[in-house]
C-alpha atoms as a PDB file:
ATOM      1  CA  UNK A   1       0.215   0.025  -0.259  1.00  0.00           C
ATOM      2  CA  UNK A   2       1.448   3.605  -1.143  1.00  0.00           C
ATOM      3  CA  UNK A   3       1.979   6.074   1.747  1.00  0.00           C
ATOM      4  CA  UNK A   4       0.345   9.074   0.623  1.00  0.00           C
ATOM      5  CA  UNK A   5       1.981  12.729   1.385  1.00  0.00           C
ATOM      6  CA  UNK A   6       0.785  14.497   4.620  1.00  0.00           C
ATOM      7  CA  UNK A   7       1.485  17.617   1.937  1.00  0.00           C
ATOM      8  CA  UNK A   8      -1.408  18.610  -0.166  1.00  0.00           C
ATOM      9  CA  UNK A   9      -0.075  19.590  -3.419  1.00  0.00           C
ATOM     10  CA  UNK A  10      -1.071  23.088  -4.091  1.00  0.00           C
ATOM     11  CA  UNK A  11      -3.932  23.828  -6.978  1.00  0.00           C
ATOM     12  CA  UNK A  12      -2.653  25.742 -10.028  1.00  0.00           C
ATOM     13  CA  UNK A  13      -4.451  29.064 -10.086  1.00  0.00           C
ATOM     14  CA  UNK A  14      -7.237  29.377 -13.248  1.00  0.00           C
ATOM     15  CA  UNK A  15      -6.261  30.696 -16.348  1.00  0.00           C
ATOM     16  CA  UNK A  16      -9.083  32.685 -17.694  1.00  0.00           C
ATOM     17  CA  UNK A  17      -7.276  35.827 -18.890  1.00  0.00           C
ATOM     18  CA  UNK A  18      -3.915  37.599 -19.742  1.00  0.00           C
ATOM     19  CA  UNK A  19      -3.172  41.162 -19.371  1.00  0.00           C
ATOM     20  CA  UNK A  20      -1.270  42.887 -22.126  1.00  0.00           C
ATOM     21  CA  UNK A  21       0.911  44.472 -18.513  1.00  0.00           C
ATOM     22  CA  UNK A  22       0.688  44.653 -14.713  1.00  0.00           C
ATOM     23  CA  UNK A  23       2.311  47.766 -14.227  1.00  0.00           C
ATOM     24  CA  UNK A  24       0.321  50.683 -14.141  1.00  0.00           C
ATOM     25  CA  UNK A  25       2.475  54.246 -14.173  1.00  0.00           C
ATOM     26  CA  UNK A  26       0.453  57.514 -14.312  1.00  0.00           C
ATOM     27  CA  UNK A  27       2.117  60.606 -15.443  1.00  0.00           C
ATOM     28  CA  UNK A  28       0.661  62.550 -12.774  1.00  0.00           C
ATOM     29  CA  UNK A  29       2.721  65.814 -13.772  1.00  0.00           C
ATOM     30  CA  UNK A  30       0.157  66.295 -16.825  1.00  0.00           C
ATOM     31  CA  UNK A  31      -2.334  68.887 -16.665  1.00  0.00           C
ATOM     32  CA  UNK A  32      -5.021  66.245 -17.307  1.00  0.00           C
ATOM     33  CA  UNK A  33      -6.046  63.514 -15.063  1.00  0.00           C
ATOM     34  CA  UNK A  34      -3.540  60.705 -15.613  1.00  0.00           C
ATOM     35  CA  UNK A  35      -4.771  57.548 -17.860  1.00  0.00           C
ATOM     36  CA  UNK A  36      -3.677  54.097 -18.847  1.00  0.00           C
ATOM     37  CA  UNK A  37      -4.975  51.462 -21.072  1.00  0.00           C
ATOM     38  CA  UNK A  38      -4.960  48.027 -20.226  1.00  0.00           C
ATOM     39  CA  UNK A  39      -5.828  45.201 -22.451  1.00  0.00           C
ATOM     40  CA  UNK A  40      -7.595  42.192 -21.580  1.00  0.00           C
ATOM     41  CA  UNK A  41      -7.633  39.418 -23.454  1.00  0.00           C
ATOM     42  CA  UNK A  42      -9.205  35.776 -22.973  1.00  0.00           C
ATOM     43  CA  UNK A  43      -6.852  32.464 -22.859  1.00  0.00           C
ATOM     44  CA  UNK A  44      -9.513  30.091 -22.863  1.00  0.00           C
ATOM     45  CA  UNK A  45     -10.609  28.112 -25.540  1.00  0.00           C
ATOM     46  CA  UNK A  46     -13.991  27.266 -27.484  1.00  0.00           C
ATOM     47  CA  UNK A  47     -16.975  28.867 -26.843  1.00  0.00           C
ATOM     48  CA  UNK A  48     -16.655  29.160 -22.950  1.00  0.00           C
ATOM     49  CA  UNK A  49     -17.325  32.816 -22.063  1.00  0.00           C
ATOM     50  CA  UNK A  50     -15.735  34.495 -19.259  1.00  0.00           C
ATOM     51  CA  UNK A  51     -16.558  37.628 -17.044  1.00  0.00           C
ATOM     52  CA  UNK A  52     -14.143  39.535 -15.622  1.00  0.00           C
ATOM     53  CA  UNK A  53     -14.443  42.640 -13.490  1.00  0.00           C
ATOM     54  CA  UNK A  54     -11.800  45.178 -11.870  1.00  0.00           C
ATOM     55  CA  UNK A  55     -12.077  46.154  -8.095  1.00  0.00           C
ATOM     56  CA  UNK A  56     -10.199  49.097  -6.388  1.00  0.00           C
ATOM     57  CA  UNK A  57      -9.666  50.104  -2.219  1.00  0.00           C
ATOM     58  CA  UNK A  58      -9.923  53.989  -3.696  1.00  0.00           C
ATOM     59  CA  UNK A  59     -13.127  54.073  -5.718  1.00  0.00           C
ATOM     60  CA  UNK A  60     -13.020  57.529  -5.677  1.00  0.00           C
ATOM     61  CA  UNK A  61     -10.080  57.913  -6.657  1.00  0.00           C
ATOM     62  CA  UNK A  62     -10.050  55.808 -10.037  1.00  0.00           C
ATOM     63  CA  UNK A  63     -12.566  56.072 -12.728  1.00  0.00           C
ATOM     64  CA  UNK A  64     -11.914  52.612 -14.600  1.00  0.00           C
ATOM     65  CA  UNK A  65     -13.824  52.445 -18.310  1.00  0.00           C
ATOM     66  CA  UNK A  66     -15.132  49.778 -18.238  1.00  0.00           C
ATOM     67  CA  UNK A  67     -14.511  48.062 -14.997  1.00  0.00           C
ATOM     68  CA  UNK A  68     -16.779  44.656 -16.018  1.00  0.00           C
ATOM     69  CA  UNK A  69     -17.330  42.535 -18.876  1.00  0.00           C
ATOM     70  CA  UNK A  70     -17.600  39.227 -21.000  1.00  0.00           C
ATOM     71  CA  UNK A  71     -15.181  37.814 -23.452  1.00  0.00           C
ATOM     72  CA  UNK A  72     -16.370  34.565 -25.360  1.00  0.00           C
ATOM     73  CA  UNK A  73     -15.407  34.063 -29.343  1.00  0.00           C
ATOM     74  CA  UNK A  74     -17.421  36.973 -30.580  1.00  0.00           C
ATOM     75  CA  UNK A  75     -15.312  39.462 -28.506  1.00  0.00           C
ATOM     76  CA  UNK A  76     -11.750  37.951 -27.353  1.00  0.00           C
ATOM     77  CA  UNK A  77     -10.003  41.405 -26.303  1.00  0.00           C
ATOM     78  CA  UNK A  78     -11.762  44.097 -23.867  1.00  0.00           C
ATOM     79  CA  UNK A  79      -9.382  47.625 -23.877  1.00  0.00           C
ATOM     80  CA  UNK A  80     -10.301  49.121 -20.657  1.00  0.00           C
ATOM     81  CA  UNK A  81      -8.831  53.119 -19.261  1.00  0.00           C
ATOM     82  CA  UNK A  82      -8.039  53.268 -16.146  1.00  0.00           C
ATOM     83  CA  UNK A  83      -7.819  57.068 -14.763  1.00  0.00           C
ATOM     84  CA  UNK A  84      -6.045  58.572 -11.602  1.00  0.00           C
ATOM     85  CA  UNK A  85      -8.661  60.701 -10.174  1.00  0.00           C
ATOM     86  CA  UNK A  86      -6.971  64.512 -10.008  1.00  0.00           C
ATOM     87  CA  UNK A  87      -3.760  62.693 -10.053  1.00  0.00           C
ATOM     88  CA  UNK A  88      -3.856  62.204  -6.406  1.00  0.00           C
ATOM     89  CA  UNK A  89      -1.576  58.506  -5.957  1.00  0.00           C
ATOM     90  CA  UNK A  90      -1.408  56.496  -3.037  1.00  0.00           C
ATOM     91  CA  UNK A  91       0.887  53.998  -2.417  1.00  0.00           C
ATOM     92  CA  UNK A  92      -2.187  52.011  -0.673  1.00  0.00           C
ATOM     93  CA  UNK A  93      -4.037  52.157  -3.575  1.00  0.00           C
ATOM     94  CA  UNK A  94      -5.227  48.709  -4.788  1.00  0.00           C
ATOM     95  CA  UNK A  95      -6.679  47.291  -8.251  1.00  0.00           C
ATOM     96  CA  UNK A  96      -7.373  43.935  -9.096  1.00  0.00           C
ATOM     97  CA  UNK A  97      -8.527  42.202 -12.232  1.00  0.00           C
ATOM     98  CA  UNK A  98     -10.761  38.925 -11.495  1.00  0.00           C
ATOM     99  CA  UNK A  99     -12.259  37.010 -13.796  1.00  0.00           C
ATOM    100  CA  UNK A 100     -14.157  33.659 -14.125  1.00  0.00           C
ATOM    101  CA  UNK A 101     -15.387  31.380 -16.460  1.00  0.00           C
ATOM    102  CA  UNK A 102     -19.288  32.027 -16.905  1.00  0.00           C
ATOM    103  CA  UNK A 103     -21.639  28.919 -17.535  1.00  0.00           C
ATOM    104  CA  UNK A 104     -24.441  28.379 -19.604  1.00  0.00           C
ATOM    105  CA  UNK A 105     -27.026  29.317 -16.746  1.00  0.00           C
ATOM    106  CA  UNK A 106     -25.314  32.405 -15.182  1.00  0.00           C
ATOM    107  CA  UNK A 107     -25.197  36.302 -16.197  1.00  0.00           C
ATOM    108  CA  UNK A 108     -22.471  38.938 -16.281  1.00  0.00           C
ATOM    109  CA  UNK A 109     -24.886  40.902 -14.012  1.00  0.00           C
ATOM    110  CA  UNK A 110     -25.235  37.959 -11.116  1.00  0.00           C
ATOM    111  CA  UNK A 111     -22.402  35.877 -11.636  1.00  0.00           C
ATOM    112  CA  UNK A 112     -20.276  38.072  -8.870  1.00  0.00           C
ATOM    113  CA  UNK A 113     -22.532  37.429  -6.223  1.00  0.00           C
ATOM    114  CA  UNK A 114     -22.967  33.935  -6.511  1.00  0.00           C
ATOM    115  CA  UNK A 115     -21.982  31.747  -4.489  1.00  0.00           C
ATOM    116  CA  UNK A 116     -19.384  29.820  -7.267  1.00  0.00           C
ATOM    117  CA  UNK A 117     -17.738  33.349  -7.408  1.00  0.00           C
ATOM    118  CA  UNK A 118     -17.215  33.235  -3.548  1.00  0.00           C
ATOM    119  CA  UNK A 119     -14.935  30.027  -4.085  1.00  0.00           C
ATOM    120  CA  UNK A 120     -11.460  31.138  -4.632  1.00  0.00           C
ATOM    121  CA  UNK A 121     -10.581  28.126  -6.431  1.00  0.00           C
ATOM    122  CA  UNK A 122     -13.197  29.164  -9.274  1.00  0.00           C
ATOM    123  CA  UNK A 123     -11.544  32.846  -9.657  1.00  0.00           C
ATOM    124  CA  UNK A 124      -8.471  34.233 -11.487  1.00  0.00           C
ATOM    125  CA  UNK A 125      -7.436  37.091  -9.581  1.00  0.00           C
ATOM    126  CA  UNK A 126      -4.333  39.776 -10.932  1.00  0.00           C
ATOM    127  CA  UNK A 127      -2.738  42.371  -8.995  1.00  0.00           C
ATOM    128  CA  UNK A 128      -1.717  45.198 -10.899  1.00  0.00           C
ATOM    129  CA  UNK A 129       1.478  47.521  -9.677  1.00  0.00           C
ATOM    130  CA  UNK A 130       0.413  51.073  -9.597  1.00  0.00           C
ATOM    131  CA  UNK A 131       2.714  53.790 -10.086  1.00  0.00           C
ATOM    132  CA  UNK A 132       3.909  57.325 -11.104  1.00  0.00           C
ATOM    133  CA  UNK A 133       6.229  58.013 -13.480  1.00  0.00           C
ATOM    134  CA  UNK A 134       8.069  59.952 -11.406  1.00  0.00           C
ATOM    135  CA  UNK A 135       8.715  57.192  -8.352  1.00  0.00           C
ATOM    136  CA  UNK A 136       9.748  54.758 -11.476  1.00  0.00           C
ATOM    137  CA  UNK A 137      12.693  56.941 -12.271  1.00  0.00           C
ATOM    138  CA  UNK A 138      13.660  57.403  -9.189  1.00  0.00           C
ATOM    139  CA  UNK A 139      13.769  53.828  -9.030  1.00  0.00           C
ATOM    140  CA  UNK A 140      15.479  53.321 -12.015  1.00  0.00           C
ATOM    141  CA  UNK A 141      18.216  55.700 -10.598  1.00  0.00           C
ATOM    142  CA  UNK A 142      18.516  53.598  -8.002  1.00  0.00           C
ATOM    143  CA  UNK A 143      19.185  50.667  -9.969  1.00  0.00           C
ATOM    144  CA  UNK A 144      21.973  51.987 -12.392  1.00  0.00           C
ATOM    145  CA  UNK A 145      23.747  53.147  -9.185  1.00  0.00           C
ATOM    146  CA  UNK A 146      23.619  50.290  -7.056  1.00  0.00           C
ATOM    147  CA  UNK A 147      27.260  48.616  -6.837  1.00  0.00           C
ATOM    148  CA  UNK A 148      26.469  45.887  -4.178  1.00  0.00           C
ATOM    149  CA  UNK A 149      25.518  42.983  -6.526  1.00  0.00           C
ATOM    150  CA  UNK A 150      28.398  44.062  -8.760  1.00  0.00           C
ATOM    151  CA  UNK A 151      31.147  44.236  -6.089  1.00  0.00           C
ATOM    152  CA  UNK A 152      30.115  41.113  -4.871  1.00  0.00           C
ATOM    153  CA  UNK A 153      30.768  39.592  -8.251  1.00  0.00           C
ATOM    154  CA  UNK A 154      34.076  41.246  -9.402  1.00  0.00           C
ATOM    155  CA  UNK A 155      35.049  39.992  -5.473  1.00  0.00           C
ATOM    156  CA  UNK A 156      34.632  36.159  -6.364  1.00  0.00           C
ATOM    157  CA  UNK A 157      37.885  36.350  -8.524  1.00  0.00           C
ATOM    158  CA  UNK A 158      40.319  37.623  -5.315  1.00  0.00           C
ATOM    159  CA  UNK A 159      38.112  35.184  -3.254  1.00  0.00           C
ATOM    160  CA  UNK A 160      39.003  32.144  -5.286  1.00  0.00           C
ATOM    161  CA  UNK A 161      42.863  33.449  -5.532  1.00  0.00           C
ATOM    162  CA  UNK A 162      43.140  33.955  -1.725  1.00  0.00           C
ATOM    163  CA  UNK A 163      41.322  31.096  -0.737  1.00  0.00           C
ATOM    164  CA  UNK A 164      43.271  28.171   0.675  1.00  0.00           C
ATOM    165  CA  UNK A 165      40.342  25.517   0.752  1.00  0.00           C
ATOM    166  CA  UNK A 166      40.666  21.884  -1.062  1.00  0.00           C
ATOM    167  CA  UNK A 167      39.048  18.967  -1.237  1.00  0.00           C
ATOM    168  CA  UNK A 168      34.883  19.338   0.401  1.00  0.00           C
ATOM    169  CA  UNK A 169      35.604  22.834   2.044  1.00  0.00           C
ATOM    170  CA  UNK A 170      36.503  23.778  -1.545  1.00  0.00           C
ATOM    171  CA  UNK A 171      33.590  22.473  -2.627  1.00  0.00           C
ATOM    172  CA  UNK A 172      31.288  24.184  -0.642  1.00  0.00           C
ATOM    173  CA  UNK A 173      33.094  27.486  -0.912  1.00  0.00           C
ATOM    174  CA  UNK A 174      32.239  27.256  -4.887  1.00  0.00           C
ATOM    175  CA  UNK A 175      29.050  26.113  -4.729  1.00  0.00           C
ATOM    176  CA  UNK A 176      28.348  29.312  -1.816  1.00  0.00           C
ATOM    177  CA  UNK A 177      29.831  31.386  -4.738  1.00  0.00           C
ATOM    178  CA  UNK A 178      27.988  29.875  -7.228  1.00  0.00           C
ATOM    179  CA  UNK A 179      24.149  30.685  -5.623  1.00  0.00           C
ATOM    180  CA  UNK A 180      25.966  33.808  -4.939  1.00  0.00           C
ATOM    181  CA  UNK A 181      26.560  34.579  -8.783  1.00  0.00           C
ATOM    182  CA  UNK A 182      22.786  32.958  -9.414  1.00  0.00           C
ATOM    183  CA  UNK A 183      21.283  35.512  -6.880  1.00  0.00           C
ATOM    184  CA  UNK A 184      23.255  38.850  -8.711  1.00  0.00           C
ATOM    185  CA  UNK A 185      22.087  37.436 -12.054  1.00  0.00           C
ATOM    186  CA  UNK A 186      18.601  36.890 -11.542  1.00  0.00           C
ATOM    187  CA  UNK A 187      18.803  40.409  -9.113  1.00  0.00           C
ATOM    188  CA  UNK A 188      20.117  41.645 -12.400  1.00  0.00           C
ATOM    189  CA  UNK A 189      17.745  40.261 -14.928  1.00  0.00           C
ATOM    190  CA  UNK A 190      14.784  41.851 -12.672  1.00  0.00           C
ATOM    191  CA  UNK A 191      16.602  45.506 -12.727  1.00  0.00           C
ATOM    192  CA  UNK A 192      16.462  44.927 -16.731  1.00  0.00           C
ATOM    193  CA  UNK A 193      13.161  43.969 -16.876  1.00  0.00           C
ATOM    194  CA  UNK A 194      12.143  46.788 -14.579  1.00  0.00           C
ATOM    195  CA  UNK A 195      14.029  49.124 -16.811  1.00  0.00           C
ATOM    196  CA  UNK A 196      12.449  47.938 -20.094  1.00  0.00           C
ATOM    197  CA  UNK A 197       8.498  48.442 -18.828  1.00  0.00           C
ATOM    198  CA  UNK A 198       9.606  51.690 -17.481  1.00  0.00           C
ATOM    199  CA  UNK A 199      11.351  52.326 -20.822  1.00  0.00           C
ATOM    200  CA  UNK A 200       7.565  51.421 -22.738  1.00  0.00           C
ATOM    201  CA  UNK A 201       5.656  53.575 -19.883  1.00  0.00           C
ATOM    202  CA  UNK A 202       7.664  56.411 -20.676  1.00  0.00           C
ATOM    203  CA  UNK A 203       7.351  55.825 -24.401  1.00  0.00           C
ATOM    204  CA  UNK A 204       3.203  56.136 -23.796  1.00  0.00           C
ATOM    205  CA  UNK A 205       3.239  58.876 -21.536  1.00  0.00           C
ATOM    206  CA  UNK A 206       5.499  61.107 -23.974  1.00  0.00           C
ATOM    207  CA  UNK A 207       2.931  60.362 -26.409  1.00  0.00           C
ATOM    208  CA  UNK A 208       0.587  61.561 -24.381  1.00  0.00           C
ATOM    209  CA  UNK A 209       2.675  64.894 -23.467  1.00  0.00           C
ATOM    210  CA  UNK A 210       2.781  65.494 -27.049  1.00  0.00           C
ATOM    211  CA  UNK A 211      -0.840  65.197 -27.766  1.00  0.00           C
ATOM    212  CA  UNK A 212      -1.723  67.420 -24.679  1.00  0.00           C
ATOM    213  CA  UNK A 213       1.385  70.267 -26.241  1.00  0.00           C
ATOM    214  CA  UNK A 214      -0.621  69.687 -29.721  1.00  0.00           C
ATOM    215  CA  UNK A 215      -4.057  70.437 -28.073  1.00  0.00           C
ATOM    216  CA  UNK A 216      -2.932  73.410 -25.402  1.00  0.00           C
ATOM    217  CA  UNK A 217      -1.213  74.871 -28.682  1.00  0.00           C
ATOM    218  CA  UNK A 218      -4.346  74.560 -30.618  1.00  0.00           C
ATOM    219  CA  UNK A 219      -5.853  76.506 -27.605  1.00  0.00           C
ATOM    220  CA  UNK A 220      -3.456  78.912 -27.001  1.00  0.00           C
ATOM    221  CA  UNK A 221      -3.935  79.498 -31.010  1.00  0.00           C
ATOM    222  CA  UNK A 222      -7.981  80.083 -30.541  1.00  0.00           C
ATOM    223  CA  UNK A 223      -7.437  81.607 -27.424  1.00  0.00           C
ATOM    224  CA  UNK A 224      -5.348  84.450 -28.938  1.00  0.00           C
ATOM    225  CA  UNK A 225      -7.809  84.829 -31.954  1.00  0.00           C
ATOM    226  CA  UNK A 226     -10.669  85.346 -29.500  1.00  0.00           C
ATOM    227  CA  UNK A 227      -7.887  88.086 -27.742  1.00  0.00           C
ATOM    228  CA  UNK A 228      -7.599  89.780 -31.189  1.00  0.00           C
ATOM    229  CA  UNK A 229     -11.518  90.134 -31.781  1.00  0.00           C
ATOM    230  CA  UNK A 230     -11.733  91.084 -28.222  1.00  0.00           C
ATOM    231  CA  UNK A 231      -9.145  93.795 -28.602  1.00  0.00           C
ATOM    232  CA  UNK A 232     -10.680  95.296 -31.610  1.00  0.00           C
ATOM    233  CA  UNK A 233     -14.262  95.767 -30.853  1.00  0.00           C
ATOM    234  CA  UNK A 234     -12.953  97.366 -27.588  1.00  0.00           C
ATOM    235  CA  UNK A 235     -10.627  99.531 -29.486  1.00  0.00           C
ATOM    236  CA  UNK A 236     -14.090 100.091 -31.883  1.00  0.00           C
ATOM    237  CA  UNK A 237     -15.846 101.331 -28.691  1.00  0.00           C
ATOM    238  CA  UNK A 238     -13.436 103.271 -27.072  1.00  0.00           C
ATOM    239  CA  UNK A 239     -13.404 105.393 -30.542  1.00  0.00           C
ATOM    240  CA  UNK A 240     -17.223 105.458 -30.587  1.00  0.00           C
ATOM    241  CA  UNK A 241     -17.177 106.465 -26.633  1.00  0.00           C
ATOM    242  CA  UNK A 242     -14.765 109.270 -27.802  1.00  0.00           C
ATOM    243  CA  UNK A 243     -16.585 110.464 -30.577  1.00  0.00           C
ATOM    244  CA  UNK A 244     -19.968 110.327 -29.136  1.00  0.00           C
ATOM    245  CA  UNK A 245     -18.382 112.105 -25.834  1.00  0.00           C
ATOM    246  CA  UNK A 246     -16.872 114.615 -28.050  1.00  0.00           C
ATOM    247  CA  UNK A 247     -20.245 114.966 -29.796  1.00  0.00           C
ATOM    248  CA  UNK A 248     -22.015 115.973 -26.724  1.00  0.00           C
ATOM    249  CA  UNK A 249     -19.508 118.301 -25.600  1.00  0.00           C
ATOM    250  CA  UNK A 250     -19.991 120.046 -28.822  1.00  0.00           C
ATOM    251  CA  UNK A 251     -23.851 120.126 -28.297  1.00  0.00           C
ATOM    252  CA  UNK A 252     -23.116 121.565 -25.092  1.00  0.00           C
ATOM    253  CA  UNK A 253     -21.324 124.501 -26.142  1.00  0.00           C
ATOM    254  CA  UNK A 254     -23.429 125.222 -29.006  1.00  0.00           C
ATOM    255  CA  UNK A 255     -26.423 125.270 -25.596  1.00  0.00           C
ATOM    256  CA  UNK A 256     -24.189 127.834 -23.826  1.00  0.00           C
ATOM    257  CA  UNK A 257     -23.263 130.260 -26.409  1.00  0.00           C
ATOM    258  CA  UNK A 258     -26.810 130.900 -27.712  1.00  0.00           C
END
């Protein structure tokens, strides 16, 4: 008789949807409310519809449109706009995306109030990473100036040259050095990934800034046209007023003489 393990095998979370990004980085320095677009795609094959929704612990700070929907064979991708109201970011804010398979007898309006949606194993939950451009730039600057990993890696050669251990102790020492190098390599890969993600965010923000610049230039041009028209109108009225005053003065003088 086989002996069963006392540790239960972890159940893999369901995979109903994919996101084009999990980092939502807001450009809070722009004059209008910062916004980011999120693409939600369906991963389930066939004709099984998937209901999704976005939840937050700060509903008065974030405008999400749309905040829920259904993905099926006729619509496998949904575009969602996340807007930060007043550009008032707080690191304690949270945004999560949830998805669940929609059964034939269920509707998108009632699925999230059902007992089945309360079972964690039935729902896919993805937490979005919220940040701002300034915070990410500061973080990336720290990554570029951080030298601890580089210094440790550079000292490996020196450690090997100075070491006098042999046999099993030498093997342990080399294994420890290998573990250190692997850790440094993983950290470097993570830093590179974060930098590349920030690059994508900055490129999107740059496009938004350029669009804002074009809009502001147009508003300035329209305002200048209106201002010039008002100045001409005021100048014309001033001339008419002076002429009217002169005419009244002449009439008054004529009355005095007569």
